[in-house]
Amino acid sequence: MCGRASQLRAEKFGHLIAHWLYPEHFIPRRNLRPTEPAWIVARRGDGLIKTLEARWWCQWDGAYKFEAKFPTFNARVETMHEKKLWPDLLHKGQRCLLPVDSFYEWPVKGKGLPPVEIFVKVREPYALAGLWSRYFEGNETRYSFTTFTTDANEFMKPIHEQAMPVILSDIDEQKLWLTEGDEALLRPYEGEMEFDQLPDTLEHLYPEENLKH
């Protein structure tokens, strides 16, 4: 499961990896939380790929208000075709990437410990695969998204044995997910990973981000 992430260097993803530029008012974040706004790379229904500001808690497509009643910030790959929300977005091709530097998890056997920060081996920005939807606030169109989770790989099992986000670190795989939606990509990450044990809670480490954005 993935419920915290860092977009501190996501601009590097946009400029150097995927060649999709971020808006001037992009705000780097070290402690991105569900329900908060992030920048995603999204494929629209007409096939156009662009960056969007979207809240990390997926809404029914076309909803007329934002609700956080049910936990829809993650979508489990193994059951995505059985749930009510995801098949419609898959059918519409509303796929996205969440560019991140890292994500955070709390060790299963270390209750009370600060989280660990998880990177791909080269510590370059990578992408989490997901889906997006639109909703409305008055006359304004807004966007929301979810990130996929799947079975934990061998690296993740000692940290979080039940699940891990779907990581796409390869440029070709990122583009393939956006353009073709190849579901074979939604698998446990096969590359090398590493982590840092953080010395304190995210709220204490990054107090400037405690306020909701």
N, C-alpha and C. Protein backbone atom coordinates (compact mmCIF):
# COMPACT_ATOMS: atom_id res chain seq x y z
N MET A 1 0.85 -1.19 0.00
CA MET A 1 0.00 0.00 0.00
C MET A 1 0.88 1.23 0.00
N CYS A 2 0.45 2.25 -0.68
CA CYS A 2 1.24 3.47 -0.76
C CYS A 2 0.36 4.66 -0.42
N GLY A 3 0.68 5.36 0.68
CA GLY A 3 -0.13 6.48 1.09
C GLY A 3 0.66 7.75 1.36
N ARG A 4 1.96 7.73 1.14
CA ARG A 4 2.79 8.94 1.25
C ARG A 4 3.88 8.85 0.18
N ALA A 5 4.20 9.98 -0.41
CA ALA A 5 5.22 9.99 -1.46
C ALA A 5 5.89 11.35 -1.52
N SER A 6 7.01 11.42 -2.23
CA SER A 6 7.75 12.66 -2.43
C SER A 6 7.74 13.04 -3.91
N GLN A 7 7.39 14.30 -4.18
CA GLN A 7 7.51 14.86 -5.52
C GLN A 7 8.52 16.00 -5.52
N LEU A 8 9.55 15.86 -4.72
CA LEU A 8 10.53 16.94 -4.58
C LEU A 8 11.23 17.25 -5.90
N ARG A 9 11.56 16.22 -6.66
CA ARG A 9 12.29 16.41 -7.92
C ARG A 9 11.46 15.99 -9.13
N ALA A 10 10.16 16.06 -9.01
CA ALA A 10 9.30 15.62 -10.12
C ALA A 10 9.49 16.46 -11.37
N GLU A 11 9.95 17.69 -11.21
CA GLU A 11 10.24 18.51 -12.39
C GLU A 11 11.32 17.86 -13.24
N LYS A 12 12.26 17.19 -12.60
CA LYS A 12 13.31 16.50 -13.34
C LYS A 12 12.71 15.37 -14.17
N PHE A 13 11.70 14.71 -13.63
CA PHE A 13 10.99 13.68 -14.39
C PHE A 13 10.40 14.30 -15.64
N GLY A 14 9.71 15.42 -15.49
CA GLY A 14 9.06 16.06 -16.62
C GLY A 14 10.02 16.55 -17.67
N HIS A 15 11.11 17.17 -17.24
CA HIS A 15 12.04 17.78 -18.19
C HIS A 15 12.98 16.77 -18.82
N LEU A 16 13.46 15.82 -18.04
CA LEU A 16 14.55 14.98 -18.51
C LEU A 16 14.15 13.55 -18.87
N ILE A 17 13.06 13.06 -18.30
CA ILE A 17 12.70 11.67 -18.54
C ILE A 17 11.57 11.56 -19.54
N ALA A 18 10.47 12.20 -19.27
CA ALA A 18 9.28 12.01 -20.10
C ALA A 18 9.03 13.15 -21.08
N HIS A 19 9.74 14.28 -20.91
CA HIS A 19 9.62 15.42 -21.81
C HIS A 19 8.24 16.07 -21.75
N TRP A 20 7.57 15.96 -20.62
CA TRP A 20 6.32 16.70 -20.41
C TRP A 20 6.61 17.75 -19.36
N LEU A 21 6.41 19.01 -19.71
CA LEU A 21 6.81 20.09 -18.83
C LEU A 21 5.76 20.37 -17.77
N TYR A 22 6.22 20.73 -16.57
CA TYR A 22 5.32 21.08 -15.49
C TYR A 22 5.04 22.58 -15.48
N PRO A 23 3.88 22.98 -15.03
CA PRO A 23 3.54 24.41 -15.00
C PRO A 23 4.46 25.19 -14.08
N GLU A 24 4.48 26.50 -14.27
CA GLU A 24 5.35 27.35 -13.48
C GLU A 24 5.01 27.31 -11.99
N HIS A 25 3.74 27.05 -11.66
CA HIS A 25 3.35 27.07 -10.25
C HIS A 25 3.41 25.69 -9.61
N PHE A 26 4.13 24.76 -10.24
CA PHE A 26 4.36 23.45 -9.63
C PHE A 26 5.07 23.62 -8.29
N ILE A 27 4.56 22.97 -7.24
CA ILE A 27 5.14 23.08 -5.89
C ILE A 27 5.78 21.75 -5.51
N PRO A 28 7.10 21.68 -5.36
CA PRO A 28 7.76 20.44 -4.93
C PRO A 28 7.27 20.03 -3.54
N ARG A 29 7.07 18.76 -3.33
CA ARG A 29 6.56 18.27 -2.05
C ARG A 29 7.40 17.09 -1.57
N ARG A 30 7.73 17.06 -0.29
CA ARG A 30 8.41 15.91 0.30
C ARG A 30 7.45 14.98 1.02
N ASN A 31 6.25 15.46 1.32
CA ASN A 31 5.31 14.67 2.10
C ASN A 31 3.92 14.78 1.49
N LEU A 32 3.76 14.16 0.33
CA LEU A 32 2.49 14.17 -0.38
C LEU A 32 1.56 13.13 0.24
N ARG A 33 0.35 13.58 0.62
CA ARG A 33 -0.60 12.72 1.32
C ARG A 33 -1.89 12.55 0.53
N PRO A 34 -2.59 11.44 0.72
CA PRO A 34 -3.90 11.27 0.09
C PRO A 34 -4.83 12.44 0.39
N THR A 35 -5.65 12.78 -0.57
CA THR A 35 -6.61 13.90 -0.64
C THR A 35 -5.93 15.20 -1.05
N GLU A 36 -4.58 15.25 -1.06
CA GLU A 36 -3.88 16.48 -1.39
C GLU A 36 -3.57 16.55 -2.88
N PRO A 37 -3.34 17.76 -3.41
CA PRO A 37 -3.05 17.91 -4.83
C PRO A 37 -1.63 17.50 -5.18
N ALA A 38 -1.49 16.86 -6.33
CA ALA A 38 -0.19 16.47 -6.88
C ALA A 38 -0.22 16.77 -8.37
N TRP A 39 0.93 16.62 -9.01
CA TRP A 39 0.97 16.75 -10.47
C TRP A 39 1.14 15.38 -11.08
N ILE A 40 0.27 15.06 -12.02
CA ILE A 40 0.31 13.77 -12.70
C ILE A 40 0.49 13.98 -14.20
N VAL A 41 0.95 12.95 -14.87
CA VAL A 41 1.00 12.91 -16.33
C VAL A 41 -0.16 12.03 -16.77
N ALA A 42 -1.11 12.61 -17.49
CA ALA A 42 -2.37 11.92 -17.77
C ALA A 42 -2.63 11.78 -19.26
N ARG A 43 -3.22 10.65 -19.63
CA ARG A 43 -3.70 10.45 -20.98
C ARG A 43 -5.18 10.76 -20.99
N ARG A 44 -5.59 11.72 -21.83
CA ARG A 44 -7.00 12.06 -21.95
C ARG A 44 -7.70 11.08 -22.89
N GLY A 45 -9.01 11.16 -22.90
CA GLY A 45 -9.79 10.27 -23.75
C GLY A 45 -9.50 10.42 -25.22
N ASP A 46 -9.07 11.61 -25.66
CA ASP A 46 -8.73 11.83 -27.06
C ASP A 46 -7.30 11.43 -27.40
N GLY A 47 -6.59 10.85 -26.42
CA GLY A 47 -5.24 10.38 -26.65
C GLY A 47 -4.16 11.39 -26.33
N LEU A 48 -4.54 12.65 -26.06
CA LEU A 48 -3.56 13.67 -25.74
C LEU A 48 -2.99 13.42 -24.35
N ILE A 49 -1.67 13.56 -24.24
CA ILE A 49 -1.00 13.37 -22.95
C ILE A 49 -0.55 14.73 -22.43
N LYS A 50 -0.92 15.04 -21.19
CA LYS A 50 -0.56 16.33 -20.62
C LYS A 50 -0.44 16.20 -19.11
N THR A 51 0.11 17.22 -18.47
CA THR A 51 0.19 17.23 -17.02
C THR A 51 -1.06 17.88 -16.44
N LEU A 52 -1.50 17.35 -15.31
CA LEU A 52 -2.69 17.87 -14.64
C LEU A 52 -2.41 17.98 -13.15
N GLU A 53 -3.00 18.98 -12.51
CA GLU A 53 -3.04 19.00 -11.05
C GLU A 53 -4.25 18.16 -10.64
N ALA A 54 -4.04 17.20 -9.76
CA ALA A 54 -5.12 16.28 -9.38
C ALA A 54 -4.96 15.88 -7.92
N ARG A 55 -6.09 15.63 -7.28
CA ARG A 55 -6.06 15.22 -5.88
C ARG A 55 -5.94 13.70 -5.79
N TRP A 56 -5.12 13.27 -4.85
CA TRP A 56 -4.80 11.85 -4.70
C TRP A 56 -5.90 11.14 -3.90
N TRP A 57 -7.03 10.97 -4.52
CA TRP A 57 -8.17 10.25 -3.93
C TRP A 57 -9.23 10.21 -5.02
N CYS A 58 -9.28 9.15 -5.76
CA CYS A 58 -10.05 9.13 -7.01
C CYS A 58 -11.56 9.24 -6.76
N GLN A 59 -12.20 10.07 -7.59
CA GLN A 59 -13.64 10.29 -7.52
C GLN A 59 -14.35 9.59 -8.66
N TRP A 60 -15.65 9.38 -8.52
CA TRP A 60 -16.43 8.91 -9.66
C TRP A 60 -16.29 9.91 -10.79
N ASP A 61 -16.06 9.42 -12.00
CA ASP A 61 -15.87 10.31 -13.13
C ASP A 61 -17.16 11.11 -13.37
N GLY A 62 -17.04 12.44 -13.29
CA GLY A 62 -18.20 13.31 -13.48
C GLY A 62 -18.90 13.68 -12.20
N ALA A 63 -18.36 13.29 -11.04
CA ALA A 63 -18.99 13.62 -9.76
C ALA A 63 -19.08 15.13 -9.57
N TYR A 64 -20.11 15.58 -8.84
CA TYR A 64 -20.33 17.01 -8.65
C TYR A 64 -19.82 17.53 -7.32
N LYS A 65 -19.09 16.73 -6.60
CA LYS A 65 -18.38 17.21 -5.41
C LYS A 65 -17.32 16.19 -5.04
N PHE A 66 -16.33 16.64 -4.28
CA PHE A 66 -15.26 15.77 -3.83
C PHE A 66 -15.66 15.11 -2.52
N GLU A 67 -15.50 13.79 -2.45
CA GLU A 67 -15.79 13.06 -1.22
C GLU A 67 -14.63 12.10 -0.92
N ALA A 68 -14.35 11.92 0.35
CA ALA A 68 -13.32 10.98 0.78
C ALA A 68 -13.92 9.92 1.69
N LYS A 69 -15.13 9.47 1.32
CA LYS A 69 -15.86 8.52 2.15
C LYS A 69 -15.21 7.15 2.13
N PHE A 70 -14.74 6.73 0.96
CA PHE A 70 -14.11 5.42 0.82
C PHE A 70 -12.66 5.61 0.37
N PRO A 71 -11.73 4.73 0.79
CA PRO A 71 -10.31 4.90 0.46
C PRO A 71 -10.01 4.51 -0.99
N THR A 72 -10.04 5.49 -1.87
CA THR A 72 -9.83 5.23 -3.30
C THR A 72 -8.52 5.85 -3.80
N PHE A 73 -7.55 6.06 -2.89
CA PHE A 73 -6.26 6.59 -3.33
C PHE A 73 -5.38 5.47 -3.89
N ASN A 74 -5.71 4.21 -3.60
CA ASN A 74 -5.03 3.06 -4.19
C ASN A 74 -6.05 2.16 -4.88
N ALA A 75 -5.64 1.52 -5.95
CA ALA A 75 -6.46 0.53 -6.66
C ALA A 75 -5.67 -0.77 -6.74
N ARG A 76 -6.22 -1.83 -6.19
CA ARG A 76 -5.52 -3.12 -6.18
C ARG A 76 -5.62 -3.77 -7.56
N VAL A 77 -4.48 -4.09 -8.16
CA VAL A 77 -4.45 -4.66 -9.51
C VAL A 77 -5.25 -5.96 -9.59
N GLU A 78 -5.07 -6.80 -8.59
CA GLU A 78 -5.67 -8.14 -8.66
C GLU A 78 -7.19 -8.11 -8.62
N THR A 79 -7.79 -7.03 -8.17
CA THR A 79 -9.25 -6.96 -8.08
C THR A 79 -9.83 -5.78 -8.86
N MET A 80 -9.02 -5.13 -9.70
CA MET A 80 -9.48 -3.88 -10.32
C MET A 80 -10.67 -4.07 -11.26
N HIS A 81 -10.81 -5.25 -11.85
CA HIS A 81 -11.94 -5.47 -12.76
C HIS A 81 -13.20 -5.89 -12.02
N GLU A 82 -13.08 -6.15 -10.72
CA GLU A 82 -14.23 -6.56 -9.91
C GLU A 82 -14.87 -5.40 -9.17
N LYS A 83 -14.17 -4.29 -9.05
CA LYS A 83 -14.68 -3.14 -8.33
C LYS A 83 -15.53 -2.27 -9.23
N LYS A 84 -16.30 -1.37 -8.62
CA LYS A 84 -17.22 -0.53 -9.40
C LYS A 84 -16.52 0.65 -10.07
N LEU A 85 -15.52 1.20 -9.43
CA LEU A 85 -14.95 2.46 -9.89
C LEU A 85 -13.96 2.30 -11.04
N TRP A 86 -13.10 1.29 -10.99
CA TRP A 86 -11.97 1.21 -11.91
C TRP A 86 -12.32 0.78 -13.33
N PRO A 87 -13.22 -0.18 -13.57
CA PRO A 87 -13.48 -0.61 -14.96
C PRO A 87 -13.89 0.52 -15.89
N ASP A 88 -14.67 1.47 -15.40
CA ASP A 88 -15.09 2.59 -16.25
C ASP A 88 -13.90 3.43 -16.67
N LEU A 89 -13.00 3.72 -15.75
CA LEU A 89 -11.82 4.52 -16.08
C LEU A 89 -10.88 3.76 -17.00
N LEU A 90 -10.75 2.45 -16.79
CA LEU A 90 -9.94 1.63 -17.69
C LEU A 90 -10.52 1.63 -19.10
N HIS A 91 -11.83 1.50 -19.19
CA HIS A 91 -12.50 1.49 -20.49
C HIS A 91 -12.32 2.82 -21.23
N LYS A 92 -12.34 3.91 -20.48
CA LYS A 92 -12.17 5.24 -21.09
C LYS A 92 -10.70 5.57 -21.39
N GLY A 93 -9.81 4.72 -20.94
CA GLY A 93 -8.39 4.97 -21.18
C GLY A 93 -7.82 6.10 -20.37
N GLN A 94 -8.40 6.39 -19.20
CA GLN A 94 -7.96 7.51 -18.38
C GLN A 94 -6.82 7.06 -17.45
N ARG A 95 -5.69 6.80 -18.09
CA ARG A 95 -4.52 6.30 -17.39
C ARG A 95 -3.59 7.46 -17.04
N CYS A 96 -2.79 7.26 -16.01
CA CYS A 96 -1.88 8.33 -15.60
C CYS A 96 -0.63 7.77 -14.95
N LEU A 97 0.33 8.66 -14.76
CA LEU A 97 1.55 8.39 -14.01
C LEU A 97 1.66 9.43 -12.91
N LEU A 98 2.06 8.99 -11.73
CA LEU A 98 2.41 9.92 -10.65
C LEU A 98 3.94 9.93 -10.55
N PRO A 99 4.60 10.99 -11.03
CA PRO A 99 6.07 11.06 -10.90
C PRO A 99 6.46 11.29 -9.45
N VAL A 100 7.37 10.48 -8.95
CA VAL A 100 7.82 10.61 -7.57
C VAL A 100 9.33 10.40 -7.51
N ASP A 101 9.93 10.84 -6.41
CA ASP A 101 11.33 10.53 -6.10
C ASP A 101 11.40 9.28 -5.24
N SER A 102 10.36 9.12 -4.41
CA SER A 102 10.35 8.03 -3.44
C SER A 102 8.94 7.91 -2.88
N PHE A 103 8.70 6.81 -2.17
CA PHE A 103 7.48 6.69 -1.39
C PHE A 103 7.86 6.18 -0.02
N TYR A 104 6.93 6.27 0.92
CA TYR A 104 7.21 5.93 2.31
C TYR A 104 6.35 4.75 2.76
N GLU A 105 6.94 3.93 3.60
CA GLU A 105 6.20 2.85 4.24
C GLU A 105 6.65 2.72 5.68
N TRP A 106 5.76 2.17 6.50
CA TRP A 106 6.05 1.94 7.90
C TRP A 106 6.27 0.45 8.10
N PRO A 107 7.45 0.04 8.58
CA PRO A 107 7.76 -1.39 8.71
C PRO A 107 6.71 -2.14 9.52
N VAL A 108 6.32 -3.29 9.00
CA VAL A 108 5.29 -4.10 9.64
C VAL A 108 5.73 -4.50 11.05
N LYS A 109 7.00 -4.86 11.21
CA LYS A 109 7.49 -5.34 12.50
C LYS A 109 8.08 -4.22 13.36
N GLY A 110 7.85 -2.98 12.98
CA GLY A 110 8.41 -1.88 13.74
C GLY A 110 7.39 -0.85 14.13
N LYS A 111 6.29 -1.28 14.73
CA LYS A 111 5.24 -0.35 15.12
C LYS A 111 5.81 0.73 16.03
N GLY A 112 5.48 1.96 15.72
CA GLY A 112 5.98 3.08 16.49
C GLY A 112 7.24 3.69 15.93
N LEU A 113 7.89 3.01 14.97
CA LEU A 113 9.09 3.55 14.34
C LEU A 113 8.73 4.54 13.25
N PRO A 114 9.63 5.48 12.95
CA PRO A 114 9.42 6.35 11.80
C PRO A 114 9.40 5.53 10.52
N PRO A 115 8.92 6.10 9.43
CA PRO A 115 8.84 5.34 8.18
C PRO A 115 10.21 5.17 7.52
N VAL A 116 10.24 4.32 6.51
CA VAL A 116 11.40 4.22 5.64
C VAL A 116 11.05 4.90 4.33
N GLU A 117 12.06 5.48 3.67
CA GLU A 117 11.87 6.12 2.38
C GLU A 117 12.45 5.20 1.32
N ILE A 118 11.65 4.87 0.31
CA ILE A 118 12.00 3.83 -0.64
C ILE A 118 12.29 4.42 -2.01
N PHE A 119 13.42 4.02 -2.58
CA PHE A 119 13.90 4.52 -3.86
C PHE A 119 14.11 3.37 -4.83
N VAL A 120 14.13 3.69 -6.14
CA VAL A 120 14.72 2.74 -7.08
C VAL A 120 16.23 2.89 -6.94
N LYS A 121 16.98 1.91 -7.40
CA LYS A 121 18.41 1.82 -7.09
C LYS A 121 19.20 3.06 -7.47
N VAL A 122 18.91 3.66 -8.61
CA VAL A 122 19.70 4.81 -9.07
C VAL A 122 19.26 6.11 -8.39
N ARG A 123 18.21 6.05 -7.62
CA ARG A 123 17.67 7.22 -6.91
C ARG A 123 17.27 8.36 -7.84
N GLU A 124 16.81 7.99 -9.02
CA GLU A 124 16.26 8.95 -9.95
C GLU A 124 14.73 8.94 -9.82
N PRO A 125 14.06 10.02 -10.21
CA PRO A 125 12.59 10.01 -10.19
C PRO A 125 12.04 8.87 -11.05
N TYR A 126 10.93 8.32 -10.62
CA TYR A 126 10.27 7.24 -11.36
C TYR A 126 8.78 7.52 -11.33
N ALA A 127 8.00 6.59 -11.81
CA ALA A 127 6.56 6.82 -11.91
C ALA A 127 5.78 5.70 -11.23
N LEU A 128 4.66 6.06 -10.62
CA LEU A 128 3.68 5.10 -10.14
C LEU A 128 2.52 5.10 -11.12
N ALA A 129 2.11 3.92 -11.55
CA ALA A 129 1.02 3.81 -12.52
C ALA A 129 -0.32 4.04 -11.84
N GLY A 130 -1.26 4.68 -12.56
CA GLY A 130 -2.56 4.93 -11.96
C GLY A 130 -3.63 5.24 -12.98
N LEU A 131 -4.77 5.70 -12.46
CA LEU A 131 -5.92 6.12 -13.25
C LEU A 131 -6.38 7.48 -12.74
N TRP A 132 -7.03 8.25 -13.60
CA TRP A 132 -7.52 9.56 -13.18
C TRP A 132 -8.99 9.73 -13.55
N SER A 133 -9.63 10.68 -12.90
CA SER A 133 -11.03 11.01 -13.19
C SER A 133 -11.21 12.51 -13.04
N ARG A 134 -12.33 13.01 -13.54
CA ARG A 134 -12.67 14.43 -13.38
C ARG A 134 -13.89 14.55 -12.46
N TYR A 135 -13.95 15.63 -11.72
CA TYR A 135 -15.12 15.95 -10.92
C TYR A 135 -15.31 17.46 -10.99
N PHE A 136 -16.36 17.95 -10.37
CA PHE A 136 -16.68 19.37 -10.49
C PHE A 136 -16.85 20.01 -9.12
N GLU A 137 -16.40 21.25 -9.02
CA GLU A 137 -16.67 22.10 -7.86
C GLU A 137 -17.32 23.36 -8.41
N GLY A 138 -18.65 23.43 -8.32
CA GLY A 138 -19.37 24.51 -8.96
C GLY A 138 -19.22 24.39 -10.47
N ASN A 139 -18.73 25.45 -11.09
CA ASN A 139 -18.51 25.43 -12.54
C ASN A 139 -17.08 25.05 -12.92
N GLU A 140 -16.27 24.72 -11.92
CA GLU A 140 -14.87 24.41 -12.17
C GLU A 140 -14.66 22.90 -12.32
N THR A 141 -13.91 22.51 -13.35
CA THR A 141 -13.54 21.12 -13.54
C THR A 141 -12.28 20.82 -12.75
N ARG A 142 -12.32 19.78 -11.94
CA ARG A 142 -11.17 19.35 -11.15
C ARG A 142 -10.80 17.91 -11.54
N TYR A 143 -9.64 17.47 -11.03
CA TYR A 143 -9.18 16.13 -11.37
C TYR A 143 -8.73 15.40 -10.11
N SER A 144 -8.85 14.08 -10.16
CA SER A 144 -8.40 13.23 -9.06
C SER A 144 -7.75 11.99 -9.66
N PHE A 145 -7.07 11.22 -8.82
CA PHE A 145 -6.39 10.03 -9.35
C PHE A 145 -6.19 8.99 -8.27
N THR A 146 -5.86 7.79 -8.73
CA THR A 146 -5.49 6.69 -7.85
C THR A 146 -4.19 6.10 -8.35
N THR A 147 -3.44 5.45 -7.48
CA THR A 147 -2.25 4.71 -7.89
C THR A 147 -2.48 3.22 -7.65
N PHE A 148 -1.95 2.40 -8.54
CA PHE A 148 -2.12 0.95 -8.43
C PHE A 148 -1.20 0.35 -7.39
N THR A 149 -1.70 -0.67 -6.70
CA THR A 149 -0.86 -1.51 -5.84
C THR A 149 -0.99 -2.95 -6.30
N THR A 150 0.04 -3.73 -6.03
CA THR A 150 0.06 -5.13 -6.39
C THR A 150 0.83 -5.90 -5.33
N ASP A 151 1.08 -7.18 -5.55
CA ASP A 151 1.79 -7.98 -4.56
C ASP A 151 3.18 -7.43 -4.31
N ALA A 152 3.63 -7.53 -3.09
CA ALA A 152 4.97 -7.07 -2.72
C ALA A 152 6.03 -7.96 -3.36
N ASN A 153 7.13 -7.35 -3.83
CA ASN A 153 8.25 -8.15 -4.31
C ASN A 153 9.12 -8.56 -3.12
N GLU A 154 10.23 -9.25 -3.38
CA GLU A 154 11.04 -9.77 -2.29
C GLU A 154 11.67 -8.65 -1.47
N PHE A 155 12.01 -7.54 -2.12
CA PHE A 155 12.56 -6.40 -1.38
C PHE A 155 11.54 -5.83 -0.40
N MET A 156 10.29 -5.72 -0.84
CA MET A 156 9.27 -5.06 -0.05
C MET A 156 8.69 -5.91 1.07
N LYS A 157 8.73 -7.22 0.93
CA LYS A 157 8.04 -8.09 1.89
C LYS A 157 8.45 -7.86 3.34
N PRO A 158 9.74 -7.65 3.66
CA PRO A 158 10.08 -7.39 5.07
C PRO A 158 9.57 -6.03 5.57
N ILE A 159 9.27 -5.12 4.65
CA ILE A 159 8.81 -3.79 5.02
C ILE A 159 7.29 -3.73 5.05
N HIS A 160 6.68 -4.21 3.97
CA HIS A 160 5.22 -4.25 3.85
C HIS A 160 4.88 -5.48 3.03
N GLU A 161 4.57 -6.56 3.71
CA GLU A 161 4.46 -7.85 3.05
C GLU A 161 3.22 -8.00 2.18
N GLN A 162 2.22 -7.13 2.35
CA GLN A 162 0.96 -7.33 1.66
C GLN A 162 0.91 -6.70 0.27
N ALA A 163 1.58 -5.57 0.06
CA ALA A 163 1.41 -4.87 -1.21
C ALA A 163 2.52 -3.86 -1.42
N MET A 164 2.62 -3.39 -2.66
CA MET A 164 3.53 -2.32 -3.03
C MET A 164 2.93 -1.57 -4.21
N PRO A 165 3.32 -0.32 -4.43
CA PRO A 165 2.81 0.39 -5.61
C PRO A 165 3.40 -0.19 -6.90
N VAL A 166 2.69 0.01 -8.00
CA VAL A 166 3.21 -0.40 -9.30
C VAL A 166 4.18 0.66 -9.78
N ILE A 167 5.45 0.29 -9.86
CA ILE A 167 6.53 1.21 -10.23
C ILE A 167 6.88 1.01 -11.70
N LEU A 168 6.93 2.12 -12.43
CA LEU A 168 7.41 2.11 -13.82
C LEU A 168 8.61 3.06 -13.89
N SER A 169 9.81 2.51 -13.88
CA SER A 169 11.02 3.34 -13.93
C SER A 169 11.57 3.46 -15.34
N ASP A 170 11.12 2.61 -16.24
CA ASP A 170 11.60 2.61 -17.61
C ASP A 170 10.75 3.55 -18.48
N ILE A 171 11.39 4.40 -19.27
CA ILE A 171 10.67 5.37 -20.08
C ILE A 171 9.70 4.69 -21.03
N ASP A 172 10.16 3.62 -21.67
CA ASP A 172 9.30 2.94 -22.64
C ASP A 172 8.08 2.35 -21.97
N GLU A 173 8.25 1.81 -20.75
CA GLU A 173 7.10 1.27 -20.02
C GLU A 173 6.15 2.38 -19.61
N GLN A 174 6.67 3.51 -19.22
CA GLN A 174 5.82 4.65 -18.86
C GLN A 174 4.96 5.06 -20.04
N LYS A 175 5.58 5.19 -21.20
CA LYS A 175 4.84 5.60 -22.39
C LYS A 175 3.85 4.52 -22.81
N LEU A 176 4.25 3.25 -22.67
CA LEU A 176 3.36 2.16 -23.05
C LEU A 176 2.11 2.13 -22.18
N TRP A 177 2.28 2.39 -20.88
CA TRP A 177 1.11 2.43 -20.01
C TRP A 177 0.16 3.55 -20.43
N LEU A 178 0.72 4.71 -20.69
CA LEU A 178 -0.12 5.84 -21.07
C LEU A 178 -0.80 5.63 -22.41
N THR A 179 -0.06 5.16 -23.39
CA THR A 179 -0.60 5.09 -24.75
C THR A 179 -1.39 3.82 -25.04
N GLU A 180 -0.96 2.70 -24.47
CA GLU A 180 -1.59 1.42 -24.80
C GLU A 180 -2.34 0.79 -23.63
N GLY A 181 -1.98 1.13 -22.41
CA GLY A 181 -2.65 0.55 -21.26
C GLY A 181 -2.39 -0.93 -21.08
N ASP A 182 -1.18 -1.36 -21.40
CA ASP A 182 -0.83 -2.77 -21.29
C ASP A 182 -0.86 -3.19 -19.82
N GLU A 183 -1.83 -4.02 -19.45
CA GLU A 183 -2.00 -4.40 -18.05
C GLU A 183 -0.91 -5.35 -17.57
N ALA A 184 -0.13 -5.91 -18.49
CA ALA A 184 0.99 -6.75 -18.08
C ALA A 184 2.05 -5.93 -17.33
N LEU A 185 2.01 -4.61 -17.50
CA LEU A 185 2.95 -3.74 -16.79
C LEU A 185 2.62 -3.59 -15.32
N LEU A 186 1.40 -3.93 -14.95
CA LEU A 186 0.94 -3.74 -13.57
C LEU A 186 1.34 -4.94 -12.73
N ARG A 187 2.62 -5.01 -12.45
CA ARG A 187 3.20 -6.17 -11.76
C ARG A 187 4.18 -5.68 -10.69
N PRO A 188 4.60 -6.58 -9.79
CA PRO A 188 5.62 -6.18 -8.81
C PRO A 188 6.90 -5.73 -9.51
N TYR A 189 7.53 -4.73 -8.96
CA TYR A 189 8.73 -4.16 -9.58
C TYR A 189 9.85 -5.17 -9.59
N GLU A 190 10.54 -5.29 -10.74
CA GLU A 190 11.59 -6.29 -10.91
C GLU A 190 12.99 -5.70 -10.82
N GLY A 191 13.11 -4.37 -10.76
CA GLY A 191 14.43 -3.76 -10.66
C GLY A 191 14.92 -3.70 -9.23
N GLU A 192 16.12 -3.16 -9.05
CA GLU A 192 16.71 -3.03 -7.73
C GLU A 192 16.12 -1.84 -6.99
N MET A 193 16.00 -1.98 -5.69
CA MET A 193 15.45 -0.94 -4.84
C MET A 193 16.30 -0.79 -3.60
N GLU A 194 16.16 0.34 -2.92
CA GLU A 194 16.87 0.55 -1.66
C GLU A 194 16.04 1.50 -0.80
N PHE A 195 16.38 1.57 0.49
CA PHE A 195 15.61 2.46 1.37
C PHE A 195 16.52 3.11 2.39
N ASP A 196 16.04 4.22 2.96
CA ASP A 196 16.66 4.90 4.09
C ASP A 196 15.69 4.85 5.26
N GLN A 197 16.17 4.49 6.43
CA GLN A 197 15.37 4.59 7.64
C GLN A 197 15.37 6.04 8.10
N LEU A 198 14.21 6.66 8.14
CA LEU A 198 14.14 8.06 8.54
C LEU A 198 14.28 8.18 10.06
N PRO A 199 14.85 9.29 10.54
CA PRO A 199 15.10 9.45 11.98
C PRO A 199 13.91 9.94 12.78
N ASP A 200 12.85 10.40 12.07
CA ASP A 200 11.72 10.97 12.78
C ASP A 200 10.48 10.85 11.90
N THR A 201 9.36 11.32 12.41
CA THR A 201 8.12 11.27 11.63
C THR A 201 8.18 12.26 10.47
N LEU A 202 7.37 12.04 9.47
CA LEU A 202 7.33 12.95 8.33
C LEU A 202 6.87 14.34 8.75
N GLU A 203 5.94 14.40 9.69
CA GLU A 203 5.43 15.69 10.16
C GLU A 203 6.51 16.50 10.87
N HIS A 204 7.39 15.82 11.61
CA HIS A 204 8.48 16.52 12.28
C HIS A 204 9.61 16.87 11.31
N LEU A 205 9.85 16.02 10.33
CA LEU A 205 10.92 16.27 9.37
C LEU A 205 10.56 17.38 8.40
N TYR A 206 9.29 17.45 8.02
CA TYR A 206 8.85 18.43 7.03
C TYR A 206 7.66 19.23 7.57
N PRO A 207 7.90 20.01 8.64
CA PRO A 207 6.79 20.73 9.29
C PRO A 207 6.14 21.77 8.40
N GLU A 208 6.88 22.26 7.37
CA GLU A 208 6.30 23.26 6.48
C GLU A 208 5.19 22.69 5.62
N GLU A 209 5.05 21.38 5.59
CA GLU A 209 4.03 20.74 4.79
C GLU A 209 2.86 20.22 5.63
N ASN A 210 2.83 20.57 6.89
CA ASN A 210 1.76 20.07 7.76
C ASN A 210 0.40 20.65 7.41
N LEU A 211 0.38 21.85 6.86
CA LEU A 211 -0.88 22.47 6.49
C LEU A 211 -1.40 21.84 5.20
N LYS A 212 -2.69 21.64 5.11
CA LYS A 212 -3.28 21.10 3.90
C LYS A 212 -3.12 22.08 2.76
N HIS A 213 -2.83 21.54 1.57
CA HIS A 213 -2.69 22.38 0.40
C HIS A 213 -3.97 22.38 -0.40
